[in-house]
Amino acid sequence: MHEQFILPDYEYCLDDIVAAVFNTVGEAIVVANDAGEVIMLNNHVLEIWGYGADDILGQPLALLMPEQYREMHAKSMQRYIETGEHKVLNKRLELEALHSNGDHFPIQLYIAETRIKDHRFFTAAIRDISEIVDARMKLEQAQQKLLDANNLIKAKNKELAKEVRLDSLTRIFNHVALKEQIGKEMDRLSRSKKPFSLLFIDIDDFKKLNDDFGHLHGDSCLRDLTHLVSDSIIRKIDTVGRYGGEEFLVIMPGIDVEGAMIAGERLRQAVESKEWQYQSLTVTVGAATANEIMLVDTIIERADQAMYHGKQHGKNQLNHWDNLQ
């Protein structure tokens, strides 16, 4: 039996006060018996569902819920009465309700059980949370838009980070990216003690080619040379890049002096034997090998000096820095 806490002077109007509170409380209140029939309700129920009181009183509580939930509700009620097992009592749940016009709308529901003189009653306190659900949905949509925008920014930043490492004409590594990659090879050398080699490639008489046939043809030759080196000369683990102008670098992990000479000669011969559009092209190649840790600029300078030696001694040749010493 639930106690009533009220000043004695006001006990005479207790029923009127309870009735007033029942109808002015900010939630819809429905009371059902153990057969699931509505025996009592307040004005908020009528406002929320759009029924008249006579339409609901005496009717199954399932009248207020969509059809797909009614059988489950009936089975849950029966199971609770027979076994005491329950999943909804004394919990705040979010469910769908069925308006008198057939529309579905979201509600928050709290059900408690009361026993009076061996009779079992179920009291449901209900709120229409349509505005809350709409606000929540708008918030989720706004959050998703922010997430999408953030992901787009990340993708753009990743794309830009990649773009700043590529040569705009040939779409291979540029000067900065090549030096970064050589630095990584130096780090790997410090751990594995395995050498790596560079090939410094310079197109012979490239200025004359531009003067004779125009810069567009010169650009086309640079792209063709890139494809030739990338597609048929280097390994998948090698890195090719445009160091600047008509100069290219090939980074070859795990390649010693002898291997660098073989790869460099194969590259030189491939360029010499290719059928170019207007005139034949040749390259002068300088090679350098790192067997121990050194500055990135040092190994580049060695390969560059080997290439420059070839330029001074007839062009269209391969030289290794070690052999020049």
C-alpha atoms as a PDB file:
ATOM      1  CA  MET A   1       0.000   0.000   0.000  1.00  0.00           C
ATOM      2  CA  HIS A   2       1.467   3.370  -1.001  1.00  0.00           C
ATOM      3  CA  GLU A   3       1.457   6.045   1.704  1.00  0.00           C
ATOM      4  CA  GLN A   4       0.001   9.486   1.102  1.00  0.00           C
ATOM      5  CA  PHE A   5       2.014  12.335   2.597  1.00  0.00           C
ATOM      6  CA  ILE A   6      -0.306  15.331   3.114  1.00  0.00           C
ATOM      7  CA  LEU A   7      -1.009  17.851   5.854  1.00  0.00           C
ATOM      8  CA  PRO A   8      -4.010  16.726   7.928  1.00  0.00           C
ATOM      9  CA  ASP A   9      -5.879  19.998   7.233  1.00  0.00           C
ATOM     10  CA  TYR A  10      -5.981  19.080   3.525  1.00  0.00           C
ATOM     11  CA  GLU A  11      -6.982  15.436   3.746  1.00  0.00           C
ATOM     12  CA  TYR A  12     -10.564  16.357   2.944  1.00  0.00           C
ATOM     13  CA  CYS A  13      -9.576  17.346  -0.607  1.00  0.00           C
ATOM     14  CA  LEU A  14      -6.997  14.595  -1.220  1.00  0.00           C
ATOM     15  CA  ASP A  15      -8.980  12.977  -4.067  1.00  0.00           C
ATOM     16  CA  ASP A  16      -9.377  16.312  -5.844  1.00  0.00           C
ATOM     17  CA  ILE A  17      -5.679  17.091  -5.469  1.00  0.00           C
ATOM     18  CA  VAL A  18      -4.674  13.655  -6.814  1.00  0.00           C
ATOM     19  CA  ALA A  19      -7.042  14.089  -9.750  1.00  0.00           C
ATOM     20  CA  ALA A  20      -5.622  17.549 -10.494  1.00  0.00           C
ATOM     21  CA  VAL A  21      -2.018  16.330 -10.323  1.00  0.00           C
ATOM     22  CA  PHE A  22      -2.916  13.318 -12.477  1.00  0.00           C
ATOM     23  CA  ASN A  23      -4.154  15.610 -15.239  1.00  0.00           C
ATOM     24  CA  THR A  24      -1.567  18.369 -14.946  1.00  0.00           C
ATOM     25  CA  VAL A  25       1.613  16.298 -14.634  1.00  0.00           C
ATOM     26  CA  GLY A  26       3.810  16.797 -17.678  1.00  0.00           C
ATOM     27  CA  GLU A  27       3.497  13.223 -18.935  1.00  0.00           C
ATOM     28  CA  ALA A  28       0.738  11.092 -20.387  1.00  0.00           C
ATOM     29  CA  ILE A  29      -0.385   8.539 -17.777  1.00  0.00           C
ATOM     30  CA  VAL A  30      -2.102   5.273 -18.674  1.00  0.00           C
ATOM     31  CA  VAL A  31      -3.180   2.677 -16.114  1.00  0.00           C
ATOM     32  CA  ALA A  32      -3.986  -0.858 -17.298  1.00  0.00           C
ATOM     33  CA  ASN A  33      -5.159  -3.975 -15.466  1.00  0.00           C
ATOM     34  CA  ASP A  34      -3.488  -7.363 -15.650  1.00  0.00           C
ATOM     35  CA  ALA A  35      -5.613  -8.172 -18.703  1.00  0.00           C
ATOM     36  CA  GLY A  36      -3.942  -5.291 -20.517  1.00  0.00           C
ATOM     37  CA  GLU A  37      -7.096  -3.139 -20.620  1.00  0.00           C
ATOM     38  CA  VAL A  38      -6.898   0.606 -20.091  1.00  0.00           C
ATOM     39  CA  ILE A  39      -8.804   1.543 -16.927  1.00  0.00           C
ATOM     40  CA  MET A  40      -7.560   5.073 -16.383  1.00  0.00           C
ATOM     41  CA  LEU A  41      -5.790   7.838 -18.295  1.00  0.00           C
ATOM     42  CA  ASN A  42      -5.165  11.558 -18.132  1.00  0.00           C
ATOM     43  CA  ASN A  43      -5.760  14.401 -20.549  1.00  0.00           C
ATOM     44  CA  HIS A  44      -2.244  14.231 -22.007  1.00  0.00           C
ATOM     45  CA  VAL A  45      -3.001  10.785 -23.458  1.00  0.00           C
ATOM     46  CA  LEU A  46      -5.890  12.272 -25.431  1.00  0.00           C
ATOM     47  CA  GLU A  47      -3.737  15.194 -26.606  1.00  0.00           C
ATOM     48  CA  ILE A  48      -0.899  12.942 -27.741  1.00  0.00           C
ATOM     49  CA  TRP A  49      -2.903  10.170 -29.412  1.00  0.00           C
ATOM     50  CA  GLY A  50      -5.844  12.215 -30.692  1.00  0.00           C
ATOM     51  CA  TYR A  51      -8.513   9.897 -29.278  1.00  0.00           C
ATOM     52  CA  GLY A  52     -11.484  10.633 -27.048  1.00  0.00           C
ATOM     53  CA  ALA A  53     -11.514   9.030 -23.598  1.00  0.00           C
ATOM     54  CA  ASP A  54     -14.286   6.600 -24.580  1.00  0.00           C
ATOM     55  CA  ASP A  55     -12.188   5.407 -27.518  1.00  0.00           C
ATOM     56  CA  ILE A  56      -9.457   4.180 -25.167  1.00  0.00           C
ATOM     57  CA  LEU A  57     -11.040   3.241 -21.826  1.00  0.00           C
ATOM     58  CA  GLY A  58     -11.737  -0.473 -21.675  1.00  0.00           C
ATOM     59  CA  GLN A  59      -9.679  -1.105 -24.787  1.00  0.00           C
ATOM     60  CA  PRO A  60      -6.452  -3.153 -24.908  1.00  0.00           C
ATOM     61  CA  LEU A  61      -3.335  -1.122 -24.274  1.00  0.00           C
ATOM     62  CA  ALA A  62      -2.147  -2.429 -27.641  1.00  0.00           C
ATOM     63  CA  LEU A  63      -4.514   0.076 -29.290  1.00  0.00           C
ATOM     64  CA  LEU A  64      -1.858   2.728 -28.697  1.00  0.00           C
ATOM     65  CA  MET A  65       0.997   0.825 -30.345  1.00  0.00           C
ATOM     66  CA  PRO A  66       1.765  -0.167 -33.960  1.00  0.00           C
ATOM     67  CA  GLU A  67       0.515  -3.586 -35.060  1.00  0.00           C
ATOM     68  CA  GLN A  68       3.996  -5.099 -35.355  1.00  0.00           C
ATOM     69  CA  TYR A  69       4.508  -4.657 -31.595  1.00  0.00           C
ATOM     70  CA  ARG A  70       1.141  -5.908 -30.343  1.00  0.00           C
ATOM     71  CA  GLU A  71       1.795  -9.653 -30.376  1.00  0.00           C
ATOM     72  CA  MET A  72       5.151  -9.175 -28.695  1.00  0.00           C
ATOM     73  CA  HIS A  73       3.495  -6.974 -26.055  1.00  0.00           C
ATOM     74  CA  ALA A  74       0.814  -9.567 -25.345  1.00  0.00           C
ATOM     75  CA  LYS A  75       3.365 -12.375 -24.997  1.00  0.00           C
ATOM     76  CA  SER A  76       5.537 -10.264 -22.690  1.00  0.00           C
ATOM     77  CA  MET A  77       2.555  -9.467 -20.455  1.00  0.00           C
ATOM     78  CA  GLN A  78       1.547 -13.134 -20.302  1.00  0.00           C
ATOM     79  CA  ARG A  79       5.102 -14.272 -19.571  1.00  0.00           C
ATOM     80  CA  TYR A  80       5.450 -11.736 -16.769  1.00  0.00           C
ATOM     81  CA  ILE A  81       2.162 -12.724 -15.137  1.00  0.00           C
ATOM     82  CA  GLU A  82       3.029 -16.422 -15.327  1.00  0.00           C
ATOM     83  CA  THR A  83       6.754 -16.345 -14.479  1.00  0.00           C
ATOM     84  CA  GLY A  84       7.594 -12.890 -13.175  1.00  0.00           C
ATOM     85  CA  GLU A  85      10.130 -12.437 -15.971  1.00  0.00           C
ATOM     86  CA  HIS A  86      10.119  -8.923 -17.396  1.00  0.00           C
ATOM     87  CA  LYS A  87      12.234  -6.776 -19.661  1.00  0.00           C
ATOM     88  CA  VAL A  88      10.423  -3.435 -19.593  1.00  0.00           C
ATOM     89  CA  LEU A  89       9.326  -2.678 -16.026  1.00  0.00           C
ATOM     90  CA  ASN A  90      11.024   0.209 -14.225  1.00  0.00           C
ATOM     91  CA  LYS A  91      13.078   1.142 -17.280  1.00  0.00           C
ATOM     92  CA  ARG A  92      12.946   4.133 -19.592  1.00  0.00           C
ATOM     93  CA  LEU A  93      12.441   2.865 -23.120  1.00  0.00           C
ATOM     94  CA  GLU A  94      12.122   4.557 -26.492  1.00  0.00           C
ATOM     95  CA  LEU A  95       9.443   3.013 -28.687  1.00  0.00           C
ATOM     96  CA  GLU A  96       7.023   3.848 -31.486  1.00  0.00           C
ATOM     97  CA  ALA A  97       3.389   4.679 -30.812  1.00  0.00           C
ATOM     98  CA  LEU A  98       0.380   4.674 -33.148  1.00  0.00           C
ATOM     99  CA  HIS A  99      -1.646   7.889 -33.468  1.00  0.00           C
ATOM    100  CA  SER A 100      -5.381   7.720 -34.087  1.00  0.00           C
ATOM    101  CA  ASN A 101      -4.750   8.996 -37.635  1.00  0.00           C
ATOM    102  CA  GLY A 102      -2.450   6.046 -38.362  1.00  0.00           C
ATOM    103  CA  ASP A 103       0.862   7.933 -38.065  1.00  0.00           C
ATOM    104  CA  HIS A 104       3.747   6.484 -36.097  1.00  0.00           C
ATOM    105  CA  PHE A 105       5.586   8.722 -33.645  1.00  0.00           C
ATOM    106  CA  PRO A 106       8.359   8.174 -31.064  1.00  0.00           C
ATOM    107  CA  ILE A 107       7.668   8.023 -27.341  1.00  0.00           C
ATOM    108  CA  GLN A 108       9.638   7.548 -24.148  1.00  0.00           C
ATOM    109  CA  LEU A 109       7.939   5.028 -21.874  1.00  0.00           C
ATOM    110  CA  TYR A 110       8.295   4.112 -18.202  1.00  0.00           C
ATOM    111  CA  ILE A 111       6.137   1.269 -16.811  1.00  0.00           C
ATOM    112  CA  ALA A 112       5.737   0.400 -13.141  1.00  0.00           C
ATOM    113  CA  GLU A 113       3.596  -2.231 -11.443  1.00  0.00           C
ATOM    114  CA  THR A 114       1.236  -1.556  -8.513  1.00  0.00           C
ATOM    115  CA  ARG A 115      -0.670  -4.164  -6.468  1.00  0.00           C
ATOM    116  CA  ILE A 116      -3.807  -3.120  -4.633  1.00  0.00           C
ATOM    117  CA  LYS A 117      -5.937  -5.686  -2.758  1.00  0.00           C
ATOM    118  CA  ASP A 118      -4.606  -8.616  -4.755  1.00  0.00           C
ATOM    119  CA  HIS A 119      -5.129  -6.788  -8.018  1.00  0.00           C
ATOM    120  CA  ARG A 120      -2.277  -6.014 -10.358  1.00  0.00           C
ATOM    121  CA  PHE A 121      -2.118  -2.680 -12.207  1.00  0.00           C
ATOM    122  CA  PHE A 122       0.430  -1.277 -14.624  1.00  0.00           C
ATOM    123  CA  THR A 123       1.069   2.445 -14.804  1.00  0.00           C
ATOM    124  CA  ALA A 124       2.774   3.848 -17.877  1.00  0.00           C
ATOM    125  CA  ALA A 125       4.282   7.340 -17.901  1.00  0.00           C
ATOM    126  CA  ILE A 126       4.735   8.440 -21.519  1.00  0.00           C
ATOM    127  CA  ARG A 127       6.294  11.380 -23.323  1.00  0.00           C
ATOM    128  CA  ASP A 128       6.011  12.300 -26.973  1.00  0.00           C
ATOM    129  CA  ILE A 129       9.672  12.776 -27.952  1.00  0.00           C
ATOM    130  CA  SER A 130       9.128  13.663 -31.613  1.00  0.00           C
ATOM    131  CA  GLU A 131      10.898  17.006 -31.193  1.00  0.00           C
ATOM    132  CA  ILE A 132      13.766  15.368 -29.314  1.00  0.00           C
ATOM    133  CA  VAL A 133      14.152  12.679 -31.991  1.00  0.00           C
ATOM    134  CA  ASP A 134      14.034  15.324 -34.737  1.00  0.00           C
ATOM    135  CA  ALA A 135      16.669  17.386 -32.940  1.00  0.00           C
ATOM    136  CA  ARG A 136      18.771  14.273 -32.390  1.00  0.00           C
ATOM    137  CA  MET A 137      18.484  13.369 -36.070  1.00  0.00           C
ATOM    138  CA  LYS A 138      19.477  16.876 -37.118  1.00  0.00           C
ATOM    139  CA  LEU A 139      22.431  16.729 -34.732  1.00  0.00           C
ATOM    140  CA  GLU A 140      23.490  13.352 -36.125  1.00  0.00           C
ATOM    141  CA  GLN A 141      23.162  14.711 -39.666  1.00  0.00           C
ATOM    142  CA  ALA A 142      25.246  17.740 -38.713  1.00  0.00           C
ATOM    143  CA  GLN A 143      27.835  15.477 -37.088  1.00  0.00           C
ATOM    144  CA  GLN A 144      27.899  13.278 -40.196  1.00  0.00           C
ATOM    145  CA  LYS A 145      28.399  16.338 -42.387  1.00  0.00           C
ATOM    146  CA  LEU A 146      31.276  17.426 -40.162  1.00  0.00           C
ATOM    147  CA  LEU A 147      32.724  13.913 -40.297  1.00  0.00           C
ATOM    148  CA  ASP A 148      32.366  13.816 -44.083  1.00  0.00           C
ATOM    149  CA  ALA A 149      33.951  17.253 -44.352  1.00  0.00           C
ATOM    150  CA  ASN A 150      36.788  16.167 -42.062  1.00  0.00           C
ATOM    151  CA  ASN A 151      37.346  12.993 -44.100  1.00  0.00           C
ATOM    152  CA  LEU A 152      37.321  15.066 -47.292  1.00  0.00           C
ATOM    153  CA  ILE A 153      39.900  17.437 -45.812  1.00  0.00           C
ATOM    154  CA  LYS A 154      42.058  14.478 -44.775  1.00  0.00           C
ATOM    155  CA  ALA A 155      41.787  12.995 -48.265  1.00  0.00           C
ATOM    156  CA  LYS A 156      42.642  16.360 -49.829  1.00  0.00           C
ATOM    157  CA  ASN A 157      45.587  16.810 -47.474  1.00  0.00           C
ATOM    158  CA  LYS A 158      46.802  13.325 -48.315  1.00  0.00           C
ATOM    159  CA  GLU A 159      46.419  14.104 -51.995  1.00  0.00           C
ATOM    160  CA  LEU A 160      48.252  17.412 -51.585  1.00  0.00           C
ATOM    161  CA  ALA A 161      51.006  15.738 -49.557  1.00  0.00           C
ATOM    162  CA  LYS A 162      51.452  13.305 -52.421  1.00  0.00           C
ATOM    163  CA  GLU A 163      51.203  16.056 -55.027  1.00  0.00           C
ATOM    164  CA  VAL A 164      53.979  18.178 -53.518  1.00  0.00           C
ATOM    165  CA  ARG A 165      56.303  15.168 -53.827  1.00  0.00           C
ATOM    166  CA  LEU A 166      55.658  14.682 -57.552  1.00  0.00           C
ATOM    167  CA  ASP A 167      57.184  16.402 -60.536  1.00  0.00           C
ATOM    168  CA  SER A 168      54.358  18.193 -62.360  1.00  0.00           C
ATOM    169  CA  LEU A 169      55.562  17.203 -65.848  1.00  0.00           C
ATOM    170  CA  THR A 170      56.622  13.589 -65.471  1.00  0.00           C
ATOM    171  CA  ARG A 171      54.495  12.620 -62.409  1.00  0.00           C
ATOM    172  CA  ILE A 172      57.435  10.903 -60.730  1.00  0.00           C
ATOM    173  CA  PHE A 173      59.277  11.898 -57.540  1.00  0.00           C
ATOM    174  CA  ASN A 174      60.658  15.427 -57.514  1.00  0.00           C
ATOM    175  CA  HIS A 175      63.884  16.791 -56.037  1.00  0.00           C
ATOM    176  CA  VAL A 176      62.560  16.987 -52.453  1.00  0.00           C
ATOM    177  CA  ALA A 177      60.990  13.512 -52.494  1.00  0.00           C
ATOM    178  CA  LEU A 178      64.139  11.965 -53.939  1.00  0.00           C
ATOM    179  CA  LYS A 179      66.286  13.360 -51.127  1.00  0.00           C
ATOM    180  CA  GLU A 180      63.762  12.115 -48.564  1.00  0.00           C
ATOM    181  CA  GLN A 181      63.871   8.654 -50.121  1.00  0.00           C
ATOM    182  CA  ILE A 182      67.671   8.596 -50.101  1.00  0.00           C
ATOM    183  CA  GLY A 183      67.514   9.522 -46.410  1.00  0.00           C
ATOM    184  CA  LYS A 184      65.271   6.499 -45.810  1.00  0.00           C
ATOM    185  CA  GLU A 185      67.764   4.294 -47.643  1.00  0.00           C
ATOM    186  CA  MET A 186      70.534   5.619 -45.407  1.00  0.00           C
ATOM    187  CA  ASP A 187      68.455   4.686 -42.360  1.00  0.00           C
ATOM    188  CA  ARG A 188      67.889   1.223 -43.806  1.00  0.00           C
ATOM    189  CA  LEU A 189      71.622   0.882 -44.503  1.00  0.00           C
ATOM    190  CA  SER A 190      72.389   1.654 -40.857  1.00  0.00           C
ATOM    191  CA  ARG A 191      70.148  -1.235 -39.795  1.00  0.00           C
ATOM    192  CA  SER A 192      70.715  -3.845 -42.517  1.00  0.00           C
ATOM    193  CA  LYS A 193      74.311  -3.000 -43.507  1.00  0.00           C
ATOM    194  CA  LYS A 194      73.250  -3.649 -47.116  1.00  0.00           C
ATOM    195  CA  PRO A 195      74.466  -1.101 -49.714  1.00  0.00           C
ATOM    196  CA  PHE A 196      72.356   0.888 -52.116  1.00  0.00           C
ATOM    197  CA  SER A 197      73.269   2.733 -55.274  1.00  0.00           C
ATOM    198  CA  LEU A 198      72.273   5.845 -57.214  1.00  0.00           C
ATOM    199  CA  LEU A 199      72.216   6.460 -60.937  1.00  0.00           C
ATOM    200  CA  PHE A 200      72.478  10.116 -61.935  1.00  0.00           C
ATOM    201  CA  ILE A 201      71.128  10.436 -65.512  1.00  0.00           C
ATOM    202  CA  ASP A 202      71.514  13.487 -67.727  1.00  0.00           C
ATOM    203  CA  ILE A 203      70.152  13.766 -71.295  1.00  0.00           C
ATOM    204  CA  ASP A 204      72.944  14.728 -73.670  1.00  0.00           C
ATOM    205  CA  ASP A 205      72.624  18.019 -75.600  1.00  0.00           C
ATOM    206  CA  PHE A 206      69.119  18.629 -74.260  1.00  0.00           C
ATOM    207  CA  LYS A 207      69.354  22.409 -74.710  1.00  0.00           C
ATOM    208  CA  LYS A 208      70.080  21.963 -78.422  1.00  0.00           C
ATOM    209  CA  LEU A 209      67.110  19.608 -78.709  1.00  0.00           C
ATOM    210  CA  ASN A 210      64.838  22.279 -77.179  1.00  0.00           C
ATOM    211  CA  ASP A 211      66.317  24.955 -79.457  1.00  0.00           C
ATOM    212  CA  ASP A 212      65.911  22.831 -82.595  1.00  0.00           C
ATOM    213  CA  PHE A 213      62.444  21.303 -81.985  1.00  0.00           C
ATOM    214  CA  GLY A 214      60.845  23.425 -79.278  1.00  0.00           C
ATOM    215  CA  HIS A 215      60.150  22.991 -75.585  1.00  0.00           C
ATOM    216  CA  LEU A 216      56.967  20.976 -76.157  1.00  0.00           C
ATOM    217  CA  HIS A 217      59.025  18.316 -77.891  1.00  0.00           C
ATOM    218  CA  GLY A 218      61.580  18.555 -75.106  1.00  0.00           C
ATOM    219  CA  ASP A 219      58.837  17.961 -72.531  1.00  0.00           C
ATOM    220  CA  SER A 220      57.616  14.980 -74.565  1.00  0.00           C
ATOM    221  CA  CYS A 221      61.121  13.492 -74.527  1.00  0.00           C
ATOM    222  CA  LEU A 222      61.311  13.899 -70.745  1.00  0.00           C
ATOM    223  CA  ARG A 223      58.037  12.038 -70.331  1.00  0.00           C
ATOM    224  CA  ASP A 224      59.107   9.303 -72.758  1.00  0.00           C
ATOM    225  CA  LEU A 225      62.384   8.840 -70.937  1.00  0.00           C
ATOM    226  CA  THR A 226      60.466   8.585 -67.666  1.00  0.00           C
ATOM    227  CA  HIS A 227      58.306   5.790 -69.091  1.00  0.00           C
ATOM    228  CA  LEU A 228      61.312   4.012 -70.543  1.00  0.00           C
ATOM    229  CA  VAL A 229      63.155   4.006 -67.223  1.00  0.00           C
ATOM    230  CA  SER A 230      60.098   3.267 -65.074  1.00  0.00           C
ATOM    231  CA  ASP A 231      58.569   0.542 -67.236  1.00  0.00           C
ATOM    232  CA  SER A 232      61.517  -1.444 -68.486  1.00  0.00           C
ATOM    233  CA  ILE A 233      64.733  -0.575 -66.697  1.00  0.00           C
ATOM    234  CA  ILE A 234      64.256  -0.377 -62.938  1.00  0.00           C
ATOM    235  CA  ARG A 235      62.875  -2.919 -60.469  1.00  0.00           C
ATOM    236  CA  LYS A 236      59.633  -2.451 -58.530  1.00  0.00           C
ATOM    237  CA  ILE A 237      61.587  -1.627 -55.380  1.00  0.00           C
ATOM    238  CA  ASP A 238      63.677   1.019 -57.138  1.00  0.00           C
ATOM    239  CA  THR A 239      62.721   4.693 -57.150  1.00  0.00           C
ATOM    240  CA  VAL A 240      62.994   6.982 -60.147  1.00  0.00           C
ATOM    241  CA  GLY A 241      62.607  10.737 -59.981  1.00  0.00           C
ATOM    242  CA  ARG A 242      63.325  13.935 -61.831  1.00  0.00           C
ATOM    243  CA  TYR A 243      66.077  15.728 -59.994  1.00  0.00           C
ATOM    244  CA  GLY A 244      65.745  18.875 -62.104  1.00  0.00           C
ATOM    245  CA  GLY A 245      65.644  19.949 -65.741  1.00  0.00           C
ATOM    246  CA  GLU A 246      66.886  17.008 -67.835  1.00  0.00           C
ATOM    247  CA  GLU A 247      68.449  15.242 -64.822  1.00  0.00           C
ATOM    248  CA  PHE A 248      66.991  12.060 -63.312  1.00  0.00           C
ATOM    249  CA  LEU A 249      67.933   9.928 -60.328  1.00  0.00           C
ATOM    250  CA  VAL A 250      67.358   6.214 -59.812  1.00  0.00           C
ATOM    251  CA  ILE A 251      67.634   4.863 -56.248  1.00  0.00           C
ATOM    252  CA  MET A 252      68.409   1.123 -56.119  1.00  0.00           C
ATOM    253  CA  PRO A 253      68.209  -0.584 -52.703  1.00  0.00           C
ATOM    254  CA  GLY A 254      70.531  -3.543 -52.151  1.00  0.00           C
ATOM    255  CA  ILE A 255      72.629  -2.834 -55.251  1.00  0.00           C
ATOM    256  CA  ASP A 256      76.425  -2.760 -54.966  1.00  0.00           C
ATOM    257  CA  VAL A 257      78.998  -1.239 -57.336  1.00  0.00           C
ATOM    258  CA  GLU A 258      78.876  -4.082 -59.827  1.00  0.00           C
ATOM    259  CA  GLY A 259      75.080  -4.098 -59.852  1.00  0.00           C
ATOM    260  CA  ALA A 260      74.973  -0.332 -60.351  1.00  0.00           C
ATOM    261  CA  MET A 261      77.290  -0.642 -63.360  1.00  0.00           C
ATOM    262  CA  ILE A 262      75.109  -3.344 -64.919  1.00  0.00           C
ATOM    263  CA  ALA A 263      71.880  -1.391 -64.357  1.00  0.00           C
ATOM    264  CA  GLY A 264      73.401   1.886 -65.547  1.00  0.00           C
ATOM    265  CA  GLU A 265      74.747   0.343 -68.755  1.00  0.00           C
ATOM    266  CA  ARG A 266      71.441  -1.374 -69.479  1.00  0.00           C
ATOM    267  CA  LEU A 267      69.685   1.979 -69.083  1.00  0.00           C
ATOM    268  CA  ARG A 268      72.212   3.814 -71.305  1.00  0.00           C
ATOM    269  CA  GLN A 269      71.864   1.233 -74.064  1.00  0.00           C
ATOM    270  CA  ALA A 270      68.063   1.265 -73.876  1.00  0.00           C
ATOM    271  CA  VAL A 271      67.981   5.032 -74.402  1.00  0.00           C
ATOM    272  CA  GLU A 272      70.517   4.876 -77.259  1.00  0.00           C
ATOM    273  CA  SER A 273      68.657   2.106 -79.105  1.00  0.00           C
ATOM    274  CA  LYS A 274      65.150   3.565 -78.726  1.00  0.00           C
ATOM    275  CA  GLU A 275      63.540   5.171 -81.789  1.00  0.00           C
ATOM    276  CA  TRP A 276      62.819   8.750 -80.790  1.00  0.00           C
ATOM    277  CA  GLN A 277      60.483  11.061 -82.692  1.00  0.00           C
ATOM    278  CA  TYR A 278      62.847  13.545 -84.336  1.00  0.00           C
ATOM    279  CA  GLN A 279      66.383  12.523 -83.547  1.00  0.00           C
ATOM    280  CA  SER A 280      68.246   9.981 -81.500  1.00  0.00           C
ATOM    281  CA  LEU A 281      68.855  10.644 -77.813  1.00  0.00           C
ATOM    282  CA  THR A 282      71.636   9.524 -75.517  1.00  0.00           C
ATOM    283  CA  VAL A 283      72.249   9.889 -71.812  1.00  0.00           C
ATOM    284  CA  THR A 284      75.320  10.150 -69.664  1.00  0.00           C
ATOM    285  CA  VAL A 285      75.038   8.207 -66.413  1.00  0.00           C
ATOM    286  CA  GLY A 286      76.948   8.599 -63.190  1.00  0.00           C
ATOM    287  CA  ALA A 287      76.725   5.958 -60.466  1.00  0.00           C
ATOM    288  CA  ALA A 288      77.568   6.000 -56.781  1.00  0.00           C
ATOM    289  CA  THR A 289      77.194   3.343 -54.078  1.00  0.00           C
ATOM    290  CA  ALA A 290      76.713   3.784 -50.342  1.00  0.00           C
ATOM    291  CA  ASN A 291      78.375   1.025 -48.321  1.00  0.00           C
ATOM    292  CA  GLU A 292      78.408   3.112 -45.159  1.00  0.00           C
ATOM    293  CA  ILE A 293      76.427   5.995 -43.708  1.00  0.00           C
ATOM    294  CA  MET A 294      77.056   9.368 -45.314  1.00  0.00           C
ATOM    295  CA  LEU A 295      75.172  12.598 -45.911  1.00  0.00           C
ATOM    296  CA  VAL A 296      72.408  12.472 -48.507  1.00  0.00           C
ATOM    297  CA  ASP A 297      74.055  15.319 -50.395  1.00  0.00           C
ATOM    298  CA  THR A 298      77.360  13.441 -50.385  1.00  0.00           C
ATOM    299  CA  ILE A 299      76.153  10.410 -52.326  1.00  0.00           C
ATOM    300  CA  ILE A 300      74.219  12.638 -54.730  1.00  0.00           C
ATOM    301  CA  GLU A 301      77.354  14.700 -55.283  1.00  0.00           C
ATOM    302  CA  ARG A 302      79.369  11.551 -55.983  1.00  0.00           C
ATOM    303  CA  ALA A 303      76.893  10.321 -58.605  1.00  0.00           C
ATOM    304  CA  ASP A 304      76.773  13.836 -60.089  1.00  0.00           C
ATOM    305  CA  GLN A 305      80.595  13.988 -60.331  1.00  0.00           C
ATOM    306  CA  ALA A 306      80.682  10.595 -62.051  1.00  0.00           C
ATOM    307  CA  MET A 307      78.086  11.828 -64.534  1.00  0.00           C
ATOM    308  CA  TYR A 308      79.984  15.102 -65.097  1.00  0.00           C
ATOM    309  CA  HIS A 309      83.179  13.130 -65.767  1.00  0.00           C
ATOM    310  CA  GLY A 310      81.312  11.325 -68.543  1.00  0.00           C
ATOM    311  CA  LYS A 311      80.126  14.641 -69.971  1.00  0.00           C
ATOM    312  CA  GLN A 312      83.733  15.847 -70.158  1.00  0.00           C
ATOM    313  CA  HIS A 313      84.923  12.670 -71.856  1.00  0.00           C
ATOM    314  CA  GLY A 314      82.565  12.238 -74.754  1.00  0.00           C
ATOM    315  CA  LYS A 315      79.053  11.826 -73.266  1.00  0.00           C
ATOM    316  CA  ASN A 316      76.798   8.789 -73.822  1.00  0.00           C
ATOM    317  CA  GLN A 317      78.694   6.741 -71.267  1.00  0.00           C
ATOM    318  CA  LEU A 318      78.521   5.323 -67.751  1.00  0.00           C
ATOM    319  CA  ASN A 319      80.985   6.006 -64.945  1.00  0.00           C
ATOM    320  CA  HIS A 320      81.005   4.958 -61.311  1.00  0.00           C
ATOM    321  CA  TRP A 321      82.447   7.317 -58.699  1.00  0.00           C
ATOM    322  CA  ASP A 322      84.426   4.496 -57.057  1.00  0.00           C
ATOM    323  CA  ASN A 323      86.205   3.719 -60.336  1.00  0.00           C
ATOM    324  CA  LEU A 324      87.167   7.356 -60.853  1.00  0.00           C
ATOM    325  CA  GLN A 325      89.120   7.388 -57.590  1.00  0.00           C
END
